[in-house]
PDB file of N, CA and C in Angstrom:
ATOM      1  N   MET A   1     -29.052  69.842   0.991  1.00  0.00           N
ATOM      2  CA  MET A   1     -28.965  70.949   0.059  1.00  0.00           C
ATOM      3  C   MET A   1     -27.519  71.105  -0.417  1.00  0.00           C
ATOM      4  N   GLU A   2     -27.365  71.250  -1.730  1.00  0.00           N
ATOM      5  CA  GLU A   2     -26.032  71.404  -2.303  1.00  0.00           C
ATOM      6  C   GLU A   2     -25.547  72.842  -2.136  1.00  0.00           C
ATOM      7  N   ALA A   3     -24.235  72.986  -2.058  1.00  0.00           N
ATOM      8  CA  ALA A   3     -23.671  74.321  -1.886  1.00  0.00           C
ATOM      9  C   ALA A   3     -23.831  75.162  -3.149  1.00  0.00           C
ATOM     10  N   ILE A   4     -23.615  74.531  -4.313  1.00  0.00           N
ATOM     11  CA  ILE A   4     -23.723  75.251  -5.585  1.00  0.00           C
ATOM     12  C   ILE A   4     -24.645  74.450  -6.504  1.00  0.00           C
ATOM     13  N   SER A   5     -25.518  75.138  -7.175  1.00  0.00           N
ATOM     14  CA  SER A   5     -26.449  74.497  -8.094  1.00  0.00           C
ATOM     15  C   SER A   5     -25.690  73.877  -9.279  1.00  0.00           C
ATOM     16  N   PRO A   6     -26.082  72.691  -9.735  1.00  0.00           N
ATOM     17  CA  PRO A   6     -25.431  72.094 -10.916  1.00  0.00           C
ATOM     18  C   PRO A   6     -25.545  72.979 -12.159  1.00  0.00           C
ATOM     19  N   THR A   7     -26.604  73.749 -12.266  1.00  0.00           N
ATOM     20  CA  THR A   7     -26.757  74.662 -13.406  1.00  0.00           C
ATOM     21  C   THR A   7     -25.668  75.734 -13.384  1.00  0.00           C
ATOM     22  N   ILE A   8     -25.361  76.246 -12.217  1.00  0.00           N
ATOM     23  CA  ILE A   8     -24.303  77.261 -12.091  1.00  0.00           C
ATOM     24  C   ILE A   8     -22.947  76.644 -12.432  1.00  0.00           C
ATOM     25  N   VAL A   9     -22.699  75.430 -11.985  1.00  0.00           N
ATOM     26  CA  VAL A   9     -21.431  74.746 -12.294  1.00  0.00           C
ATOM     27  C   VAL A   9     -21.307  74.557 -13.806  1.00  0.00           C
ATOM     28  N   ASN A  10     -22.384  74.102 -14.464  1.00  0.00           N
ATOM     29  CA  ASN A  10     -22.353  73.921 -15.915  1.00  0.00           C
ATOM     30  C   ASN A  10     -22.150  75.247 -16.642  1.00  0.00           C
ATOM     31  N   LEU A  11     -22.754  76.304 -16.153  1.00  0.00           N
ATOM     32  CA  LEU A  11     -22.579  77.620 -16.758  1.00  0.00           C
ATOM     33  C   LEU A  11     -21.132  78.098 -16.621  1.00  0.00           C
ATOM     34  N   ILE A  12     -20.536  77.872 -15.470  1.00  0.00           N
ATOM     35  CA  ILE A  12     -19.133  78.258 -15.256  1.00  0.00           C
ATOM     36  C   ILE A  12     -18.222  77.479 -16.199  1.00  0.00           C
ATOM     37  N   ILE A  13     -18.457  76.187 -16.350  1.00  0.00           N
ATOM     38  CA  ILE A  13     -17.649  75.367 -17.269  1.00  0.00           C
ATOM     39  C   ILE A  13     -17.808  75.864 -18.698  1.00  0.00           C
ATOM     40  N   PHE A  14     -19.037  76.200 -19.076  1.00  0.00           N
ATOM     41  CA  PHE A  14     -19.295  76.699 -20.425  1.00  0.00           C
ATOM     42  C   PHE A  14     -18.547  78.000 -20.684  1.00  0.00           C
ATOM     43  N   VAL A  15     -18.594  78.934 -19.755  1.00  0.00           N
ATOM     44  CA  VAL A  15     -17.900  80.215 -19.923  1.00  0.00           C
ATOM     45  C   VAL A  15     -16.388  80.010 -19.969  1.00  0.00           C
ATOM     46  N   LEU A  16     -15.854  79.141 -19.137  1.00  0.00           N
ATOM     47  CA  LEU A  16     -14.416  78.860 -19.163  1.00  0.00           C
ATOM     48  C   LEU A  16     -14.002  78.203 -20.477  1.00  0.00           C
ATOM     49  N   ALA A  17     -14.844  77.326 -21.017  1.00  0.00           N
ATOM     50  CA  ALA A  17     -14.539  76.693 -22.303  1.00  0.00           C
ATOM     51  C   ALA A  17     -14.497  77.724 -23.418  1.00  0.00           C
ATOM     52  N   ILE A  18     -15.409  78.688 -23.384  1.00  0.00           N
ATOM     53  CA  ILE A  18     -15.392  79.760 -24.383  1.00  0.00           C
ATOM     54  C   ILE A  18     -14.107  80.571 -24.260  1.00  0.00           C
ATOM     55  N   TYR A  19     -13.734  80.909 -23.063  1.00  0.00           N
ATOM     56  CA  TYR A  19     -12.527  81.708 -22.820  1.00  0.00           C
ATOM     57  C   TYR A  19     -11.276  80.968 -23.312  1.00  0.00           C
ATOM     58  N   VAL A  20     -11.142  79.719 -22.920  1.00  0.00           N
ATOM     59  CA  VAL A  20      -9.963  78.932 -23.320  1.00  0.00           C
ATOM     60  C   VAL A  20      -9.957  78.731 -24.832  1.00  0.00           C
ATOM     61  N   GLY A  21     -11.108  78.401 -25.417  1.00  0.00           N
ATOM     62  CA  GLY A  21     -11.185  78.205 -26.859  1.00  0.00           C
ATOM     63  C   GLY A  21     -10.799  79.453 -27.632  1.00  0.00           C
ATOM     64  N   TYR A  22     -11.266  80.599 -27.178  1.00  0.00           N
ATOM     65  CA  TYR A  22     -10.925  81.862 -27.828  1.00  0.00           C
ATOM     66  C   TYR A  22      -9.413  82.080 -27.830  1.00  0.00           C
ATOM     67  N   HIS A  23      -8.780  81.894 -26.692  1.00  0.00           N
ATOM     68  CA  HIS A  23      -7.335  82.133 -26.604  1.00  0.00           C
ATOM     69  C   HIS A  23      -6.528  81.081 -27.345  1.00  0.00           C
ATOM     70  N   VAL A  24      -6.994  79.869 -27.390  1.00  0.00           N
ATOM     71  CA  VAL A  24      -6.278  78.829 -28.137  1.00  0.00           C
ATOM     72  C   VAL A  24      -6.319  79.137 -29.628  1.00  0.00           C
ATOM     73  N   VAL A  25      -7.475  79.507 -30.146  1.00  0.00           N
ATOM     74  CA  VAL A  25      -7.600  79.748 -31.578  1.00  0.00           C
ATOM     75  C   VAL A  25      -6.842  81.005 -31.997  1.00  0.00           C
ATOM     76  N   TRP A  26      -6.953  82.079 -31.252  1.00  0.00           N
ATOM     77  CA  TRP A  26      -6.337  83.325 -31.679  1.00  0.00           C
ATOM     78  C   TRP A  26      -4.836  83.387 -31.429  1.00  0.00           C
ATOM     79  N   ASN A  27      -4.279  82.467 -30.653  1.00  0.00           N
ATOM     80  CA  ASN A  27      -2.838  82.467 -30.416  1.00  0.00           C
ATOM     81  C   ASN A  27      -2.103  81.423 -31.253  1.00  0.00           C
ATOM     82  N   VAL A  28      -2.767  80.836 -32.230  1.00  0.00           N
ATOM     83  CA  VAL A  28      -2.135  79.864 -33.116  1.00  0.00           C
ATOM     84  C   VAL A  28      -1.401  80.614 -34.223  1.00  0.00           C
ATOM     85  N   THR A  29      -0.195  80.158 -34.557  1.00  0.00           N
ATOM     86  CA  THR A  29       0.545  80.784 -35.648  1.00  0.00           C
ATOM     87  C   THR A  29      -0.164  80.497 -36.968  1.00  0.00           C
ATOM     88  N   PRO A  30      -0.030  81.379 -37.953  1.00  0.00           N
ATOM     89  CA  PRO A  30      -0.740  81.191 -39.226  1.00  0.00           C
ATOM     90  C   PRO A  30      -0.412  79.866 -39.925  1.00  0.00           C
ATOM     91  N   ALA A  31       0.789  79.343 -39.752  1.00  0.00           N
ATOM     92  CA  ALA A  31       1.157  78.088 -40.414  1.00  0.00           C
ATOM     93  C   ALA A  31       0.363  76.902 -39.880  1.00  0.00           C
ATOM     94  N   LEU A  32      -0.186  77.022 -38.698  1.00  0.00           N
ATOM     95  CA  LEU A  32      -0.921  75.910 -38.104  1.00  0.00           C
ATOM     96  C   LEU A  32      -2.430  76.017 -38.267  1.00  0.00           C
ATOM     97  N   HIS A  33      -2.925  77.036 -38.956  1.00  0.00           N
ATOM     98  CA  HIS A  33      -4.376  77.196 -39.083  1.00  0.00           C
ATOM     99  C   HIS A  33      -5.024  76.060 -39.868  1.00  0.00           C
ATOM    100  N   THR A  34      -4.381  75.587 -40.953  1.00  0.00           N
ATOM    101  CA  THR A  34      -4.978  74.516 -41.752  1.00  0.00           C
ATOM    102  C   THR A  34      -5.065  73.220 -40.962  1.00  0.00           C
ATOM    103  N   PRO A  35      -4.004  72.774 -40.272  1.00  0.00           N
ATOM    104  CA  PRO A  35      -4.156  71.563 -39.450  1.00  0.00           C
ATOM    105  C   PRO A  35      -5.172  71.748 -38.332  1.00  0.00           C
ATOM    106  N   LEU A  36      -5.247  72.941 -37.772  1.00  0.00           N
ATOM    107  CA  LEU A  36      -6.221  73.199 -36.719  1.00  0.00           C
ATOM    108  C   LEU A  36      -7.640  73.082 -37.265  1.00  0.00           C
ATOM    109  N   MET A  37      -7.868  73.568 -38.477  1.00  0.00           N
ATOM    110  CA  MET A  37      -9.189  73.440 -39.099  1.00  0.00           C
ATOM    111  C   MET A  37      -9.541  71.978 -39.323  1.00  0.00           C
ATOM    112  N   ALA A  38      -8.559  71.171 -39.744  1.00  0.00           N
ATOM    113  CA  ALA A  38      -8.825  69.753 -39.979  1.00  0.00           C
ATOM    114  C   ALA A  38      -9.224  69.058 -38.673  1.00  0.00           C
ATOM    115  N   VAL A  39      -8.547  69.392 -37.595  1.00  0.00           N
ATOM    116  CA  VAL A  39      -8.880  68.796 -36.294  1.00  0.00           C
ATOM    117  C   VAL A  39     -10.255  69.272 -35.832  1.00  0.00           C
ATOM    118  N   THR A  40     -10.553  70.532 -36.066  1.00  0.00           N
ATOM    119  CA  THR A  40     -11.856  71.065 -35.691  1.00  0.00           C
ATOM    120  C   THR A  40     -12.972  70.348 -36.446  1.00  0.00           C
ATOM    121  N   ASN A  41     -12.733  70.053 -37.717  1.00  0.00           N
ATOM    122  CA  ASN A  41     -13.730  69.302 -38.489  1.00  0.00           C
ATOM    123  C   ASN A  41     -13.935  67.910 -37.909  1.00  0.00           C
ATOM    124  N   ALA A  42     -12.863  67.272 -37.475  1.00  0.00           N
ATOM    125  CA  ALA A  42     -12.991  65.944 -36.880  1.00  0.00           C
ATOM    126  C   ALA A  42     -13.767  66.009 -35.568  1.00  0.00           C
ATOM    127  N   ILE A  43     -13.514  67.025 -34.773  1.00  0.00           N
ATOM    128  CA  ILE A  43     -14.241  67.181 -33.507  1.00  0.00           C
ATOM    129  C   ILE A  43     -15.719  67.434 -33.782  1.00  0.00           C
ATOM    130  N   SER A  44     -16.021  68.242 -34.795  1.00  0.00           N
ATOM    131  CA  SER A  44     -17.419  68.501 -35.134  1.00  0.00           C
ATOM    132  C   SER A  44     -18.120  67.236 -35.606  1.00  0.00           C
ATOM    133  N   ALA A  45     -17.395  66.361 -36.284  1.00  0.00           N
ATOM    134  CA  ALA A  45     -17.986  65.089 -36.702  1.00  0.00           C
ATOM    135  C   ALA A  45     -18.330  64.231 -35.487  1.00  0.00           C
ATOM    136  N   ILE A  46     -17.499  64.277 -34.469  1.00  0.00           N
ATOM    137  CA  ILE A  46     -17.789  63.547 -33.233  1.00  0.00           C
ATOM    138  C   ILE A  46     -18.998  64.168 -32.537  1.00  0.00           C
ATOM    139  N   VAL A  47     -19.113  65.488 -32.602  1.00  0.00           N
ATOM    140  CA  VAL A  47     -20.268  66.172 -32.013  1.00  0.00           C
ATOM    141  C   VAL A  47     -21.553  65.723 -32.707  1.00  0.00           C
ATOM    142  N   ILE A  48     -21.496  65.523 -34.018  1.00  0.00           N
ATOM    143  CA  ILE A  48     -22.683  65.045 -34.745  1.00  0.00           C
ATOM    144  C   ILE A  48     -23.132  63.698 -34.214  1.00  0.00           C
ATOM    145  N   VAL A  49     -22.184  62.790 -34.013  1.00  0.00           N
ATOM    146  CA  VAL A  49     -22.532  61.462 -33.493  1.00  0.00           C
ATOM    147  C   VAL A  49     -23.138  61.583 -32.091  1.00  0.00           C
ATOM    148  N   GLY A  50     -22.529  62.393 -31.238  1.00  0.00           N
ATOM    149  CA  GLY A  50     -23.065  62.598 -29.892  1.00  0.00           C
ATOM    150  C   GLY A  50     -24.442  63.229 -29.894  1.00  0.00           C
ATOM    151  N   ALA A  51     -24.656  64.178 -30.790  1.00  0.00           N
ATOM    152  CA  ALA A  51     -25.968  64.835 -30.876  1.00  0.00           C
ATOM    153  C   ALA A  51     -27.030  63.865 -31.370  1.00  0.00           C
ATOM    154  N   MET A  52     -26.666  62.990 -32.305  1.00  0.00           N
ATOM    155  CA  MET A  52     -27.631  61.989 -32.774  1.00  0.00           C
ATOM    156  C   MET A  52     -28.002  61.028 -31.649  1.00  0.00           C
ATOM    157  N   LEU A  53     -27.007  60.630 -30.872  1.00  0.00           N
ATOM    158  CA  LEU A  53     -27.294  59.756 -29.725  1.00  0.00           C
ATOM    159  C   LEU A  53     -28.176  60.465 -28.706  1.00  0.00           C
ATOM    160  N   ALA A  54     -27.864  61.722 -28.422  1.00  0.00           N
ATOM    161  CA  ALA A  54     -28.653  62.469 -27.445  1.00  0.00           C
ATOM    162  C   ALA A  54     -30.084  62.654 -27.926  1.00  0.00           C
ATOM    163  N   ALA A  55     -30.247  62.940 -29.213  1.00  0.00           N
ATOM    164  CA  ALA A  55     -31.595  63.132 -29.750  1.00  0.00           C
ATOM    165  C   ALA A  55     -32.383  61.828 -29.735  1.00  0.00           C
ATOM    166  N   ALA A  56     -31.713  60.721 -29.984  1.00  0.00           N
ATOM    167  CA  ALA A  56     -32.406  59.430 -30.030  1.00  0.00           C
ATOM    168  C   ALA A  56     -32.788  58.930 -28.640  1.00  0.00           C
ATOM    169  N   LEU A  57     -31.993  59.267 -27.646  1.00  0.00           N
ATOM    170  CA  LEU A  57     -32.212  58.705 -26.312  1.00  0.00           C
ATOM    171  C   LEU A  57     -33.106  59.559 -25.419  1.00  0.00           C
ATOM    172  N   THR A  58     -33.438  60.759 -25.837  1.00  0.00           N
ATOM    173  CA  THR A  58     -34.295  61.597 -24.993  1.00  0.00           C
ATOM    174  C   THR A  58     -35.755  61.221 -25.182  1.00  0.00           C
ATOM    175  N   GLU A  59     -36.553  61.557 -24.184  1.00  0.00           N
ATOM    176  CA  GLU A  59     -37.976  61.230 -24.238  1.00  0.00           C
ATOM    177  C   GLU A  59     -38.850  62.456 -24.437  1.00  0.00           C
ATOM    178  N   THR A  60     -38.310  63.613 -24.169  1.00  0.00           N
ATOM    179  CA  THR A  60     -39.116  64.832 -24.283  1.00  0.00           C
ATOM    180  C   THR A  60     -38.975  65.441 -25.674  1.00  0.00           C
ATOM    181  N   GLY A  61     -39.968  66.211 -26.044  1.00  0.00           N
ATOM    182  CA  GLY A  61     -39.929  66.896 -27.330  1.00  0.00           C
ATOM    183  C   GLY A  61     -38.836  67.942 -27.387  1.00  0.00           C
ATOM    184  N   LEU A  62     -38.612  68.636 -26.268  1.00  0.00           N
ATOM    185  CA  LEU A  62     -37.556  69.646 -26.221  1.00  0.00           C
ATOM    186  C   LEU A  62     -36.186  69.008 -26.425  1.00  0.00           C
ATOM    187  N   GLY A  63     -35.971  67.858 -25.800  1.00  0.00           N
ATOM    188  CA  GLY A  63     -34.688  67.163 -25.953  1.00  0.00           C
ATOM    189  C   GLY A  63     -34.438  66.740 -27.387  1.00  0.00           C
ATOM    190  N   LYS A  64     -35.465  66.216 -28.033  1.00  0.00           N
ATOM    191  CA  LYS A  64     -35.326  65.803 -29.432  1.00  0.00           C
ATOM    192  C   LYS A  64     -35.084  67.012 -30.342  1.00  0.00           C
ATOM    193  N   THR A  65     -35.789  68.103 -30.061  1.00  0.00           N
ATOM    194  CA  THR A  65     -35.602  69.316 -30.856  1.00  0.00           C
ATOM    195  C   THR A  65     -34.185  69.853 -30.693  1.00  0.00           C
ATOM    196  N   MET A  66     -33.695  69.894 -29.475  1.00  0.00           N
ATOM    197  CA  MET A  66     -32.325  70.370 -29.234  1.00  0.00           C
ATOM    198  C   MET A  66     -31.296  69.440 -29.885  1.00  0.00           C
ATOM    199  N   GLY A  67     -31.560  68.140 -29.857  1.00  0.00           N
ATOM    200  CA  GLY A  67     -30.653  67.186 -30.498  1.00  0.00           C
ATOM    201  C   GLY A  67     -30.604  67.375 -32.003  1.00  0.00           C
ATOM    202  N   VAL A  68     -31.766  67.565 -32.615  1.00  0.00           N
ATOM    203  CA  VAL A  68     -31.820  67.790 -34.062  1.00  0.00           C
ATOM    204  C   VAL A  68     -31.137  69.109 -34.410  1.00  0.00           C
ATOM    205  N   LEU A  69     -31.339  70.134 -33.601  1.00  0.00           N
ATOM    206  CA  LEU A  69     -30.678  71.411 -33.822  1.00  0.00           C
ATOM    207  C   LEU A  69     -29.161  71.276 -33.699  1.00  0.00           C
ATOM    208  N   ALA A  70     -28.716  70.505 -32.717  1.00  0.00           N
ATOM    209  CA  ALA A  70     -27.272  70.285 -32.551  1.00  0.00           C
ATOM    210  C   ALA A  70     -26.687  69.544 -33.747  1.00  0.00           C
ATOM    211  N   VAL A  71     -27.401  68.557 -34.269  1.00  0.00           N
ATOM    212  CA  VAL A  71     -26.934  67.830 -35.452  1.00  0.00           C
ATOM    213  C   VAL A  71     -26.848  68.779 -36.644  1.00  0.00           C
ATOM    214  N   ALA A  72     -27.863  69.593 -36.847  1.00  0.00           N
ATOM    215  CA  ALA A  72     -27.870  70.517 -37.981  1.00  0.00           C
ATOM    216  C   ALA A  72     -26.734  71.528 -37.892  1.00  0.00           C
ATOM    217  N   LEU A  73     -26.535  72.115 -36.720  1.00  0.00           N
ATOM    218  CA  LEU A  73     -25.468  73.114 -36.575  1.00  0.00           C
ATOM    219  C   LEU A  73     -24.082  72.495 -36.724  1.00  0.00           C
ATOM    220  N   ALA A  74     -23.893  71.311 -36.172  1.00  0.00           N
ATOM    221  CA  ALA A  74     -22.593  70.644 -36.309  1.00  0.00           C
ATOM    222  C   ALA A  74     -22.343  70.254 -37.762  1.00  0.00           C
ATOM    223  N   ALA A  75     -23.384  69.845 -38.487  1.00  0.00           N
ATOM    224  CA  ALA A  75     -23.223  69.495 -39.902  1.00  0.00           C
ATOM    225  C   ALA A  75     -22.824  70.718 -40.720  1.00  0.00           C
ATOM    226  N   VAL A  76     -23.452  71.855 -40.452  1.00  0.00           N
ATOM    227  CA  VAL A  76     -23.074  73.099 -41.136  1.00  0.00           C
ATOM    228  C   VAL A  76     -21.619  73.434 -40.822  1.00  0.00           C
ATOM    229  N   ASN A  77     -21.206  73.234 -39.582  1.00  0.00           N
ATOM    230  CA  ASN A  77     -19.829  73.508 -39.178  1.00  0.00           C
ATOM    231  C   ASN A  77     -18.849  72.596 -39.911  1.00  0.00           C
ATOM    232  N   VAL A  78     -19.179  71.319 -40.034  1.00  0.00           N
ATOM    233  CA  VAL A  78     -18.288  70.380 -40.720  1.00  0.00           C
ATOM    234  C   VAL A  78     -18.150  70.742 -42.191  1.00  0.00           C
ATOM    235  N   PHE A  79     -19.274  70.920 -42.889  1.00  0.00           N
ATOM    236  CA  PHE A  79     -19.204  71.207 -44.316  1.00  0.00           C
ATOM    237  C   PHE A  79     -18.556  72.560 -44.587  1.00  0.00           C
ATOM    238  N   GLY A  80     -18.879  73.554 -43.798  1.00  0.00           N
ATOM    239  CA  GLY A  80     -18.237  74.851 -43.949  1.00  0.00           C
ATOM    240  C   GLY A  80     -16.746  74.786 -43.646  1.00  0.00           C
ATOM    241  N   GLY A  81     -16.390  73.992 -42.645  1.00  0.00           N
ATOM    242  CA  GLY A  81     -14.976  73.832 -42.306  1.00  0.00           C
ATOM    243  C   GLY A  81     -14.186  73.183 -43.426  1.00  0.00           C
ATOM    244  N   PHE A  82     -14.791  72.182 -44.078  1.00  0.00           N
ATOM    245  CA  PHE A  82     -14.099  71.552 -45.203  1.00  0.00           C
ATOM    246  C   PHE A  82     -13.932  72.528 -46.364  1.00  0.00           C
ATOM    247  N   LEU A  83     -14.920  73.364 -46.612  1.00  0.00           N
ATOM    248  CA  LEU A  83     -14.793  74.354 -47.678  1.00  0.00           C
ATOM    249  C   LEU A  83     -13.691  75.363 -47.370  1.00  0.00           C
ATOM    250  N   VAL A  84     -13.639  75.826 -46.134  1.00  0.00           N
ATOM    251  CA  VAL A  84     -12.602  76.790 -45.740  1.00  0.00           C
ATOM    252  C   VAL A  84     -11.222  76.144 -45.799  1.00  0.00           C
ATOM    253  N   THR A  85     -11.109  74.900 -45.356  1.00  0.00           N
ATOM    254  CA  THR A  85      -9.820  74.203 -45.397  1.00  0.00           C
ATOM    255  C   THR A  85      -9.358  74.033 -46.832  1.00  0.00           C
ATOM    256  N   ARG A  86     -10.278  73.689 -47.730  1.00  0.00           N
ATOM    257  CA  ARG A  86      -9.904  73.532 -49.142  1.00  0.00           C
ATOM    258  C   ARG A  86      -9.407  74.852 -49.719  1.00  0.00           C
ATOM    259  N   ARG A  87     -10.094  75.935 -49.398  1.00  0.00           N
ATOM    260  CA  ARG A  87      -9.651  77.247 -49.894  1.00  0.00           C
ATOM    261  C   ARG A  87      -8.284  77.614 -49.335  1.00  0.00           C
ATOM    262  N   MET A  88      -8.050  77.279 -48.071  1.00  0.00           N
ATOM    263  CA  MET A  88      -6.752  77.593 -47.469  1.00  0.00           C
ATOM    264  C   MET A  88      -5.644  76.775 -48.128  1.00  0.00           C
ATOM    265  N   LEU A  89      -5.911  75.514 -48.436  1.00  0.00           N
ATOM    266  CA  LEU A  89      -4.905  74.679 -49.087  1.00  0.00           C
ATOM    267  C   LEU A  89      -4.630  75.137 -50.508  1.00  0.00           C
ATOM    268  N   GLU A  90      -5.638  75.673 -51.198  1.00  0.00           N
ATOM    269  CA  GLU A  90      -5.428  76.187 -52.549  1.00  0.00           C
ATOM    270  C   GLU A  90      -4.501  77.395 -52.557  1.00  0.00           C
ATOM    271  N   MET A  91      -4.441  78.119 -51.452  1.00  0.00           N
ATOM    272  CA  MET A  91      -3.542  79.274 -51.375  1.00  0.00           C
ATOM    273  C   MET A  91      -2.083  78.843 -51.402  1.00  0.00           C
ATOM    274  N   PHE A  92      -1.793  77.595 -50.996  1.00  0.00           N
ATOM    275  CA  PHE A  92      -0.422  77.122 -50.960  1.00  0.00           C
ATOM    276  C   PHE A  92       0.029  76.517 -52.284  1.00  0.00           C
ATOM    277  N   LYS A  93      -0.889  76.319 -53.238  1.00  0.00           N
ATOM    278  CA  LYS A  93      -0.514  75.751 -54.532  1.00  0.00           C
ATOM    279  C   LYS A  93       0.267  76.779 -55.335  1.00  0.00           C
ATOM    280  N   LYS A  94       1.206  76.261 -56.131  1.00  0.00           N
ATOM    281  CA  LYS A  94       1.974  77.153 -56.990  1.00  0.00           C
ATOM    282  C   LYS A  94       1.110  77.581 -58.157  1.00  0.00           C
ATOM    283  N   LYS A  95       1.238  78.840 -58.520  1.00  0.00           N
ATOM    284  CA  LYS A  95       0.465  79.390 -59.621  1.00  0.00           C
ATOM    285  C   LYS A  95       1.292  79.324 -60.893  1.00  0.00           C
ATOM    286  N   GLU A  96       0.601  79.102 -62.034  1.00  0.00           N
ATOM    287  CA  GLU A  96       1.280  79.080 -63.318  1.00  0.00           C
ATOM    288  C   GLU A  96       1.701  80.495 -63.709  1.00  0.00           C
ATOM    289  N   PRO A  97       2.824  80.624 -64.404  1.00  0.00           N
ATOM    290  CA  PRO A  97       3.188  81.955 -64.911  1.00  0.00           C
ATOM    291  C   PRO A  97       2.116  82.458 -65.869  1.00  0.00           C
ATOM    292  N   LYS A  98       1.942  83.771 -65.954  1.00  0.00           N
ATOM    293  CA  LYS A  98       0.864  84.350 -66.753  1.00  0.00           C
ATOM    294  C   LYS A  98       1.006  84.017 -68.238  1.00  0.00           C
ATOM    295  N   ALA A  99       2.224  83.978 -68.771  1.00  0.00           N
ATOM    296  CA  ALA A  99       2.421  83.690 -70.196  1.00  0.00           C
ATOM    297  C   ALA A  99       1.983  82.261 -70.506  1.00  0.00           C
ATOM    298  N   LYS A 100       2.322  81.336 -69.637  1.00  0.00           N
ATOM    299  CA  LYS A 100       1.960  79.935 -69.861  1.00  0.00           C
ATOM    300  C   LYS A 100       0.453  79.742 -69.738  1.00  0.00           C
ATOM    301  N   ALA A 101      -0.167  80.452 -68.834  1.00  0.00           N
ATOM    302  CA  ALA A 101      -1.608  80.351 -68.648  1.00  0.00           C
ATOM    303  C   ALA A 101      -2.347  80.902 -69.852  1.00  0.00           C
ATOM    304  N   ALA A 102      -1.831  81.961 -70.475  1.00  0.00           N
ATOM    305  CA  ALA A 102      -2.456  82.541 -71.677  1.00  0.00           C
ATOM    306  C   ALA A 102      -2.336  81.600 -72.861  1.00  0.00           C
ATOM    307  N   GLU A 103      -1.192  80.881 -72.988  1.00  0.00           N
ATOM    308  CA  GLU A 103      -1.006  79.931 -74.087  1.00  0.00           C
ATOM    309  C   GLU A 103      -1.962  78.746 -73.947  1.00  0.00           C
ATOM    310  N   SER A 104      -2.187  78.295 -72.757  1.00  0.00           N
ATOM    311  CA  SER A 104      -3.041  77.124 -72.564  1.00  0.00           C
ATOM    312  C   SER A 104      -4.501  77.440 -72.868  1.00  0.00           C
ATOM    313  N   ARG A 105      -4.906  78.695 -72.745  1.00  0.00           N
ATOM    314  CA  ARG A 105      -6.280  79.087 -73.028  1.00  0.00           C
ATOM    315  C   ARG A 105      -6.537  79.230 -74.514  1.00  0.00           C
ATOM    316  N   ALA A 106      -5.495  79.560 -75.264  1.00  0.00           N
ATOM    317  CA  ALA A 106      -5.664  79.828 -76.708  1.00  0.00           C
ATOM    318  C   ALA A 106      -5.877  78.578 -77.522  1.00  0.00           C
TER     319      ALA A 106
END
């Protein structure tokens, strides 16, 4: 008999990962948010590959369903992350002066 159930160990790791992730994200300086988003998108892309492998290699219906759900959620995260990163990068672009912008429209 094991001293601690593997389910309890996995739950503890999951809760600690949430705690560490929360503090890592919220303690980042604003100048580093865009690079952090780019890295997060890359990690989510790796999660998609892992979820596809997990879904393909399982034999149960529940495993396949969870794998497909993981792929879908990670895909939403990747595409949404790219949209947010693009919007953040647009904030750093220089804006045209208002007089010049009015002339170009006329």
